[in-house]
Amino acid sequence: MIKRIAITGPESTGKSRLAKELAQHYSTAFVPEFARDYVAYINRPYNSEDILHIAQKQLESENQISEIANKLLICDTDLLVTKVWCEHAFNFCHEWILKNIQLHQYDLYLLCNIDLNWEFDPLREHPHLREHFFNIYKSELIQNHFPFAVISGNGEIRLQNAIHEIDKII
């Protein structure tokens, strides 16, 4: 049985780097963030239907990549991220996303702390709202009774903190 690890949290908190490093450490596959390439590809402002499409494709990618995973599947983002994004951008969330957050849970959520410096990226939107979003993610994880750990530290320390939490469940 594959254990699924979701890396979640606000923008510019090292989620993608951490996903790659964890996959390498555990010699397994990771699921990249679908939204990044998609939003760059559409070359226009995204809309709420785009967010639904992104959520569906993210889950589809996760299910496909799980076929080649080695005991652990590391997921660079999860449907909770699309929920928070959709609610912030459009003041609602698609029922499909809400339903699948409950149906498709993870063995562990790693909530990346905002202790890293903000790095500019043309796809990032809210450098001034990182603490706000961090608190939303934490609240969602608690309210849903999802198993999670806050991951802090820079570079190797952040990686080792994540490994420590994952090792507790494998």
C-alpha atoms as a PDB file:
ATOM      1  CA  MET A   1       0.000   0.000   0.000  1.00  0.00           C
ATOM      2  CA  ILE A   2       1.357   3.381  -1.004  1.00  0.00           C
ATOM      3  CA  LYS A   3       1.455   6.168   1.564  1.00  0.00           C
ATOM      4  CA  ARG A   4       0.528   9.536   0.080  1.00  0.00           C
ATOM      5  CA  ILE A   5       2.224  12.689   1.323  1.00  0.00           C
ATOM      6  CA  ALA A   6       0.771  16.086   0.379  1.00  0.00           C
ATOM      7  CA  ILE A   7       2.994  19.133   0.494  1.00  0.00           C
ATOM      8  CA  THR A   8       0.761  22.120   1.075  1.00  0.00           C
ATOM      9  CA  GLY A   9       0.935  25.744   2.083  1.00  0.00           C
ATOM     10  CA  PRO A  10       1.213  29.291   0.745  1.00  0.00           C
ATOM     11  CA  GLU A  11       3.178  30.441  -2.270  1.00  0.00           C
ATOM     12  CA  SER A  12       6.967  30.585  -2.121  1.00  0.00           C
ATOM     13  CA  THR A  13       7.399  28.236   0.820  1.00  0.00           C
ATOM     14  CA  GLY A  14       9.595  25.689  -0.938  1.00  0.00           C
ATOM     15  CA  LYS A  15       6.923  23.101  -1.756  1.00  0.00           C
ATOM     16  CA  SER A  16       8.251  22.119  -5.188  1.00  0.00           C
ATOM     17  CA  ARG A  17      11.849  21.878  -4.053  1.00  0.00           C
ATOM     18  CA  LEU A  18      10.857  19.871  -1.000  1.00  0.00           C
ATOM     19  CA  ALA A  19       8.773  17.470  -3.114  1.00  0.00           C
ATOM     20  CA  LYS A  20      11.704  16.773  -5.433  1.00  0.00           C
ATOM     21  CA  GLU A  21      14.166  16.342  -2.564  1.00  0.00           C
ATOM     22  CA  LEU A  22      11.846  13.993  -0.674  1.00  0.00           C
ATOM     23  CA  ALA A  23      11.220  11.881  -3.764  1.00  0.00           C
ATOM     24  CA  GLN A  24      14.966  11.608  -4.278  1.00  0.00           C
ATOM     25  CA  HIS A  25      15.586  10.755  -0.619  1.00  0.00           C
ATOM     26  CA  TYR A  26      12.957   7.997  -0.616  1.00  0.00           C
ATOM     27  CA  SER A  27      13.731   6.796  -4.179  1.00  0.00           C
ATOM     28  CA  THR A  28      10.162   7.305  -5.269  1.00  0.00           C
ATOM     29  CA  ALA A  29       8.030   9.353  -7.628  1.00  0.00           C
ATOM     30  CA  PHE A  30       6.607  12.784  -7.015  1.00  0.00           C
ATOM     31  CA  VAL A  31       3.616  14.512  -8.549  1.00  0.00           C
ATOM     32  CA  PRO A  32       4.497  17.974  -9.880  1.00  0.00           C
ATOM     33  CA  GLU A  33       2.160  20.928  -9.534  1.00  0.00           C
ATOM     34  CA  PHE A  34      -0.110  20.946 -12.606  1.00  0.00           C
ATOM     35  CA  ALA A  35      -1.241  24.574 -12.124  1.00  0.00           C
ATOM     36  CA  ARG A  36       2.154  26.127 -12.781  1.00  0.00           C
ATOM     37  CA  ASP A  37       2.530  24.869 -16.360  1.00  0.00           C
ATOM     38  CA  TYR A  38      -1.166  25.224 -17.122  1.00  0.00           C
ATOM     39  CA  VAL A  39      -1.448  28.881 -16.077  1.00  0.00           C
ATOM     40  CA  ALA A  40       1.705  29.715 -18.041  1.00  0.00           C
ATOM     41  CA  TYR A  41       0.342  27.832 -21.071  1.00  0.00           C
ATOM     42  CA  ILE A  42      -3.104  29.457 -21.291  1.00  0.00           C
ATOM     43  CA  ASN A  43      -1.504  32.894 -21.674  1.00  0.00           C
ATOM     44  CA  ARG A  44      -4.533  34.744 -20.284  1.00  0.00           C
ATOM     45  CA  PRO A  45      -5.983  35.458 -16.848  1.00  0.00           C
ATOM     46  CA  TYR A  46      -7.267  32.251 -15.281  1.00  0.00           C
ATOM     47  CA  ASN A  47     -10.921  31.827 -14.315  1.00  0.00           C
ATOM     48  CA  SER A  48     -12.791  29.584 -11.889  1.00  0.00           C
ATOM     49  CA  GLU A  49     -13.282  26.889 -14.536  1.00  0.00           C
ATOM     50  CA  ASP A  50      -9.512  26.801 -15.004  1.00  0.00           C
ATOM     51  CA  ILE A  51      -9.101  26.120 -11.294  1.00  0.00           C
ATOM     52  CA  LEU A  52     -11.573  23.236 -11.511  1.00  0.00           C
ATOM     53  CA  HIS A  53      -9.690  21.853 -14.530  1.00  0.00           C
ATOM     54  CA  ILE A  54      -6.391  22.203 -12.652  1.00  0.00           C
ATOM     55  CA  ALA A  55      -7.806  20.323  -9.648  1.00  0.00           C
ATOM     56  CA  GLN A  56      -9.090  17.496 -11.841  1.00  0.00           C
ATOM     57  CA  LYS A  57      -5.814  17.191 -13.743  1.00  0.00           C
ATOM     58  CA  GLN A  58      -3.787  17.324 -10.518  1.00  0.00           C
ATOM     59  CA  LEU A  59      -5.730  14.384  -9.134  1.00  0.00           C
ATOM     60  CA  GLU A  60      -5.515  12.527 -12.456  1.00  0.00           C
ATOM     61  CA  SER A  61      -1.729  13.007 -12.511  1.00  0.00           C
ATOM     62  CA  GLU A  62      -1.485  11.818  -8.939  1.00  0.00           C
ATOM     63  CA  ASN A  63      -3.406   8.632  -9.710  1.00  0.00           C
ATOM     64  CA  GLN A  64      -1.258   7.918 -12.778  1.00  0.00           C
ATOM     65  CA  ILE A  65       2.050   8.550 -11.032  1.00  0.00           C
ATOM     66  CA  SER A  66       1.008   6.452  -8.032  1.00  0.00           C
ATOM     67  CA  GLU A  67       1.358   3.421 -10.328  1.00  0.00           C
ATOM     68  CA  ILE A  68       5.146   3.876 -10.398  1.00  0.00           C
ATOM     69  CA  ALA A  69       5.675   5.085  -6.820  1.00  0.00           C
ATOM     70  CA  ASN A  70       7.875   3.140  -4.439  1.00  0.00           C
ATOM     71  CA  LYS A  71       5.890   2.857  -1.164  1.00  0.00           C
ATOM     72  CA  LEU A  72       5.526   6.657  -0.903  1.00  0.00           C
ATOM     73  CA  LEU A  73       3.979   9.165  -3.270  1.00  0.00           C
ATOM     74  CA  ILE A  74       5.105  12.739  -2.741  1.00  0.00           C
ATOM     75  CA  CYS A  75       2.570  15.283  -4.013  1.00  0.00           C
ATOM     76  CA  ASP A  76       3.664  18.842  -4.737  1.00  0.00           C
ATOM     77  CA  THR A  77       0.313  20.417  -3.826  1.00  0.00           C
ATOM     78  CA  ASP A  78      -3.140  19.034  -3.119  1.00  0.00           C
ATOM     79  CA  LEU A  79      -6.796  19.923  -3.585  1.00  0.00           C
ATOM     80  CA  LEU A  80      -6.749  21.998  -0.422  1.00  0.00           C
ATOM     81  CA  VAL A  81      -4.500  24.451  -2.290  1.00  0.00           C
ATOM     82  CA  THR A  82      -6.994  24.702  -5.155  1.00  0.00           C
ATOM     83  CA  LYS A  83      -9.836  25.200  -2.656  1.00  0.00           C
ATOM     84  CA  VAL A  84      -8.094  28.076  -0.890  1.00  0.00           C
ATOM     85  CA  TRP A  85      -7.036  29.575  -4.238  1.00  0.00           C
ATOM     86  CA  CYS A  86     -10.565  29.388  -5.700  1.00  0.00           C
ATOM     87  CA  GLU A  87     -12.191  30.803  -2.573  1.00  0.00           C
ATOM     88  CA  HIS A  88      -9.741  33.687  -2.452  1.00  0.00           C
ATOM     89  CA  ALA A  89      -9.924  34.523  -6.166  1.00  0.00           C
ATOM     90  CA  PHE A  90     -13.644  33.900  -6.785  1.00  0.00           C
ATOM     91  CA  ASN A  91     -15.318  33.770  -3.342  1.00  0.00           C
ATOM     92  CA  PHE A  92     -16.532  30.204  -3.846  1.00  0.00           C
ATOM     93  CA  CYS A  93     -15.207  26.722  -4.456  1.00  0.00           C
ATOM     94  CA  HIS A  94     -16.478  24.110  -6.897  1.00  0.00           C
ATOM     95  CA  GLU A  95     -18.424  21.266  -5.319  1.00  0.00           C
ATOM     96  CA  TRP A  96     -16.176  18.746  -7.116  1.00  0.00           C
ATOM     97  CA  ILE A  97     -13.127  20.109  -5.294  1.00  0.00           C
ATOM     98  CA  LEU A  98     -14.868  20.149  -1.910  1.00  0.00           C
ATOM     99  CA  LYS A  99     -16.116  16.586  -2.362  1.00  0.00           C
ATOM    100  CA  ASN A 100     -12.755  15.250  -3.490  1.00  0.00           C
ATOM    101  CA  ILE A 101     -10.866  16.884  -0.627  1.00  0.00           C
ATOM    102  CA  GLN A 102     -12.862  14.576   1.638  1.00  0.00           C
ATOM    103  CA  LEU A 103     -12.711  11.517  -0.635  1.00  0.00           C
ATOM    104  CA  HIS A 104      -9.021  11.801  -1.467  1.00  0.00           C
ATOM    105  CA  GLN A 105      -7.120  12.242   1.760  1.00  0.00           C
ATOM    106  CA  TYR A 106      -3.424  11.803   2.448  1.00  0.00           C
ATOM    107  CA  ASP A 107      -1.536   9.859   5.056  1.00  0.00           C
ATOM    108  CA  LEU A 108       0.317  13.036   5.986  1.00  0.00           C
ATOM    109  CA  TYR A 109       0.130  16.693   5.019  1.00  0.00           C
ATOM    110  CA  LEU A 110       3.336  18.695   5.270  1.00  0.00           C
ATOM    111  CA  LEU A 111       2.373  22.332   5.797  1.00  0.00           C
ATOM    112  CA  CYS A 112       5.298  24.471   4.687  1.00  0.00           C
ATOM    113  CA  ASN A 113       5.965  27.372   7.001  1.00  0.00           C
ATOM    114  CA  ILE A 114       6.474  30.941   5.769  1.00  0.00           C
ATOM    115  CA  ASP A 115       9.964  31.188   7.271  1.00  0.00           C
ATOM    116  CA  LEU A 116      11.627  31.277   3.824  1.00  0.00           C
ATOM    117  CA  ASN A 117      12.191  34.534   1.969  1.00  0.00           C
ATOM    118  CA  TRP A 118       9.645  35.360  -0.736  1.00  0.00           C
ATOM    119  CA  GLU A 119      11.041  34.646  -4.206  1.00  0.00           C
ATOM    120  CA  PHE A 120       9.541  36.521  -7.120  1.00  0.00           C
ATOM    121  CA  ASP A 121       7.888  34.441  -9.801  1.00  0.00           C
ATOM    122  CA  PRO A 122       5.514  35.865 -12.417  1.00  0.00           C
ATOM    123  CA  LEU A 123       2.879  33.282 -11.443  1.00  0.00           C
ATOM    124  CA  ARG A 124       2.918  34.194  -7.749  1.00  0.00           C
ATOM    125  CA  GLU A 125       0.328  36.714  -6.656  1.00  0.00           C
ATOM    126  CA  HIS A 126       0.287  37.464  -2.922  1.00  0.00           C
ATOM    127  CA  PRO A 127       3.625  38.124  -1.189  1.00  0.00           C
ATOM    128  CA  HIS A 128       1.879  40.218   1.472  1.00  0.00           C
ATOM    129  CA  LEU A 129      -0.681  37.513   2.347  1.00  0.00           C
ATOM    130  CA  ARG A 130       1.568  34.571   3.206  1.00  0.00           C
ATOM    131  CA  GLU A 131       0.760  34.606   6.922  1.00  0.00           C
ATOM    132  CA  HIS A 132      -2.949  34.951   6.147  1.00  0.00           C
ATOM    133  CA  PHE A 133      -2.856  31.936   3.820  1.00  0.00           C
ATOM    134  CA  PHE A 134      -0.687  29.905   6.199  1.00  0.00           C
ATOM    135  CA  ASN A 135      -3.319  30.389   8.897  1.00  0.00           C
ATOM    136  CA  ILE A 136      -6.088  29.351   6.494  1.00  0.00           C
ATOM    137  CA  TYR A 137      -4.252  26.137   5.540  1.00  0.00           C
ATOM    138  CA  LYS A 138      -3.562  25.299   9.169  1.00  0.00           C
ATOM    139  CA  SER A 139      -7.178  25.950  10.123  1.00  0.00           C
ATOM    140  CA  GLU A 140      -8.462  23.763   7.248  1.00  0.00           C
ATOM    141  CA  LEU A 141      -6.167  20.903   8.253  1.00  0.00           C
ATOM    142  CA  ILE A 142      -7.280  21.115  11.881  1.00  0.00           C
ATOM    143  CA  GLN A 143     -10.998  21.435  11.071  1.00  0.00           C
ATOM    144  CA  ASN A 144     -10.860  18.421   8.758  1.00  0.00           C
ATOM    145  CA  HIS A 145      -8.843  16.360  11.258  1.00  0.00           C
ATOM    146  CA  PHE A 146      -6.161  15.735   8.634  1.00  0.00           C
ATOM    147  CA  PRO A 147      -2.803  14.476   9.964  1.00  0.00           C
ATOM    148  CA  PHE A 148      -0.246  17.226   9.424  1.00  0.00           C
ATOM    149  CA  ALA A 149       3.069  18.660  10.514  1.00  0.00           C
ATOM    150  CA  VAL A 150       4.382  22.180  10.037  1.00  0.00           C
ATOM    151  CA  ILE A 151       7.717  22.072   8.234  1.00  0.00           C
ATOM    152  CA  SER A 152      10.159  24.868   9.000  1.00  0.00           C
ATOM    153  CA  GLY A 153      13.824  25.586   8.435  1.00  0.00           C
ATOM    154  CA  ASN A 154      16.003  26.448   5.506  1.00  0.00           C
ATOM    155  CA  GLY A 155      17.530  24.061   2.957  1.00  0.00           C
ATOM    156  CA  GLU A 156      18.789  20.823   4.469  1.00  0.00           C
ATOM    157  CA  ILE A 157      17.141  21.562   7.823  1.00  0.00           C
ATOM    158  CA  ARG A 158      13.726  21.848   6.147  1.00  0.00           C
ATOM    159  CA  LEU A 159      14.326  18.584   4.295  1.00  0.00           C
ATOM    160  CA  GLN A 160      15.432  16.761   7.458  1.00  0.00           C
ATOM    161  CA  ASN A 161      12.401  18.067   9.361  1.00  0.00           C
ATOM    162  CA  ALA A 162      10.130  16.682   6.631  1.00  0.00           C
ATOM    163  CA  ILE A 163      11.963  13.336   6.584  1.00  0.00           C
ATOM    164  CA  HIS A 164      11.592  13.098  10.367  1.00  0.00           C
ATOM    165  CA  GLU A 165       7.804  13.527  10.085  1.00  0.00           C
ATOM    166  CA  ILE A 166       7.431  11.068   7.195  1.00  0.00           C
ATOM    167  CA  ASP A 167       9.558   8.454   8.952  1.00  0.00           C
ATOM    168  CA  LYS A 168       7.024   8.450  11.802  1.00  0.00           C
ATOM    169  CA  ILE A 169       4.335   7.009   9.503  1.00  0.00           C
ATOM    170  CA  ILE A 170       6.282   4.512   7.399  1.00  0.00           C
END
